[in-house]
C-alpha atoms as a PDB file:
ATOM      1  CA  MET A   1      23.091  35.360  -5.525  1.00  0.00           C
ATOM      2  CA  SER A   2      20.601  38.062  -4.656  1.00  0.00           C
ATOM      3  CA  HIS A   3      17.179  38.046  -3.093  1.00  0.00           C
ATOM      4  CA  SER A   4      14.594  40.630  -4.163  1.00  0.00           C
ATOM      5  CA  ASN A   5      11.653  41.767  -2.061  1.00  0.00           C
ATOM      6  CA  GLN A   6       8.327  40.243  -3.036  1.00  0.00           C
ATOM      7  CA  ARG A   7       5.393  40.212  -0.585  1.00  0.00           C
ATOM      8  CA  GLY A   8       7.539  40.469   2.516  1.00  0.00           C
ATOM      9  CA  SER A   9       9.917  37.699   1.493  1.00  0.00           C
ATOM     10  CA  ILE A  10      12.977  39.754   2.461  1.00  0.00           C
ATOM     11  CA  VAL A  11      11.597  40.166   5.982  1.00  0.00           C
ATOM     12  CA  ASP A  12      10.986  36.411   6.099  1.00  0.00           C
ATOM     13  CA  LEU A  13      14.569  35.858   4.979  1.00  0.00           C
ATOM     14  CA  LEU A  14      16.003  38.314   7.532  1.00  0.00           C
ATOM     15  CA  GLU A  15      14.045  36.660  10.346  1.00  0.00           C
ATOM     16  CA  ASN A  16      15.887  33.426   9.580  1.00  0.00           C
ATOM     17  CA  LEU A  17      19.405  34.791   8.986  1.00  0.00           C
ATOM     18  CA  ALA A  18      21.975  34.326  11.714  1.00  0.00           C
ATOM     19  CA  PRO A  19      23.797  37.427  12.962  1.00  0.00           C
ATOM     20  CA  GLN A  20      27.045  38.054  11.048  1.00  0.00           C
ATOM     21  CA  THR A  21      25.764  36.314   7.906  1.00  0.00           C
ATOM     22  CA  PRO A  22      27.990  37.669   5.105  1.00  0.00           C
ATOM     23  CA  VAL A  23      26.362  39.903   2.474  1.00  0.00           C
ATOM     24  CA  SER A  24      27.862  41.790  -0.448  1.00  0.00           C
ATOM     25  CA  GLY A  25      25.392  44.651  -0.558  1.00  0.00           C
ATOM     26  CA  ILE A  26      21.816  45.847  -0.243  1.00  0.00           C
ATOM     27  CA  GLN A  27      19.496  48.042  -2.268  1.00  0.00           C
ATOM     28  CA  VAL A  28      17.521  50.657  -0.345  1.00  0.00           C
ATOM     29  CA  ASP A  29      15.038  53.007  -2.009  1.00  0.00           C
ATOM     30  CA  GLY A  30      16.691  52.303  -5.359  1.00  0.00           C
ATOM     31  CA  TYR A  31      20.252  52.950  -4.169  1.00  0.00           C
ATOM     32  CA  TYR A  32      22.875  50.205  -3.858  1.00  0.00           C
ATOM     33  CA  GLU A  33      24.879  50.186  -0.627  1.00  0.00           C
ATOM     34  CA  HIS A  34      27.898  47.961  -0.031  1.00  0.00           C
ATOM     35  CA  ALA A  35      27.631  45.981   3.187  1.00  0.00           C
ATOM     36  CA  THR A  36      29.616  43.123   4.662  1.00  0.00           C
ATOM     37  CA  ALA A  37      27.251  41.331   7.062  1.00  0.00           C
ATOM     38  CA  PHE A  38      23.704  41.216   8.370  1.00  0.00           C
ATOM     39  CA  ILE A  39      23.601  42.101  12.067  1.00  0.00           C
ATOM     40  CA  THR A  40      19.992  41.939  13.253  1.00  0.00           C
ATOM     41  CA  LEU A  41      16.359  42.705  12.463  1.00  0.00           C
ATOM     42  CA  ASP A  42      14.173  44.862  14.712  1.00  0.00           C
ATOM     43  CA  LYS A  43      10.789  43.969  13.244  1.00  0.00           C
ATOM     44  CA  ALA A  44       8.881  46.045  15.820  1.00  0.00           C
ATOM     45  CA  ARG A  45      10.653  49.210  14.619  1.00  0.00           C
ATOM     46  CA  GLY A  46      10.866  48.091  10.996  1.00  0.00           C
ATOM     47  CA  LEU A  47      14.662  48.329  10.915  1.00  0.00           C
ATOM     48  CA  ALA A  48      17.428  46.013   9.713  1.00  0.00           C
ATOM     49  CA  TYR A  49      21.062  46.483  10.695  1.00  0.00           C
ATOM     50  CA  PHE A  50      24.064  45.649   8.533  1.00  0.00           C
ATOM     51  CA  SER A  51      27.816  46.092   8.875  1.00  0.00           C
ATOM     52  CA  GLY A  52      29.026  48.646   6.387  1.00  0.00           C
ATOM     53  CA  VAL A  53      32.290  48.624   4.514  1.00  0.00           C
ATOM     54  CA  GLY A  54      35.010  49.929   6.816  1.00  0.00           C
ATOM     55  CA  GLY A  55      33.199  48.809   9.959  1.00  0.00           C
ATOM     56  CA  GLY A  56      30.374  51.337   9.925  1.00  0.00           C
ATOM     57  CA  LEU A  57      26.766  50.581  10.774  1.00  0.00           C
ATOM     58  CA  VAL A  58      24.047  50.672   8.105  1.00  0.00           C
ATOM     59  CA  VAL A  59      20.500  51.001   9.454  1.00  0.00           C
ATOM     60  CA  VAL A  60      17.744  50.312   6.926  1.00  0.00           C
ATOM     61  CA  ASP A  61      13.992  50.862   6.926  1.00  0.00           C
ATOM     62  CA  ILE A  62      12.841  47.393   5.857  1.00  0.00           C
ATOM     63  CA  SER A  63       9.974  48.852   3.842  1.00  0.00           C
ATOM     64  CA  GLU A  64      12.622  50.446   1.573  1.00  0.00           C
ATOM     65  CA  LEU A  65      14.843  47.334   1.311  1.00  0.00           C
ATOM     66  CA  SER A  66      14.417  45.774  -2.117  1.00  0.00           C
ATOM     67  CA  LEU A  67      17.474  43.540  -2.548  1.00  0.00           C
ATOM     68  CA  ILE A  68      20.077  41.683  -0.503  1.00  0.00           C
ATOM     69  CA  GLU A  69      23.126  40.433  -2.342  1.00  0.00           C
ATOM     70  CA  PHE A  70      25.054  37.489  -0.917  1.00  0.00           C
ATOM     71  CA  PRO A  71      28.652  36.629  -1.815  1.00  0.00           C
ATOM     72  CA  GLY A  72      29.129  33.870  -4.369  1.00  0.00           C
ATOM     73  CA  VAL A  73      29.876  30.412  -3.104  1.00  0.00           C
END
């Protein structure tokens, strides 16, 4: 399942996600990035944080975030 950005809906979704919610990947500025979990949203700075593959940190400008992919159930 994926969720695409329409009229701020991704920000609305991120505001309601619990930390460590599993994700499969994200699309930022047209580029797909593998990620493993949502960490947090800093709405004041316009940044979302995700765990990257291999334990790295992925910091995303939420204005460039167009898709969040969640693992299948």
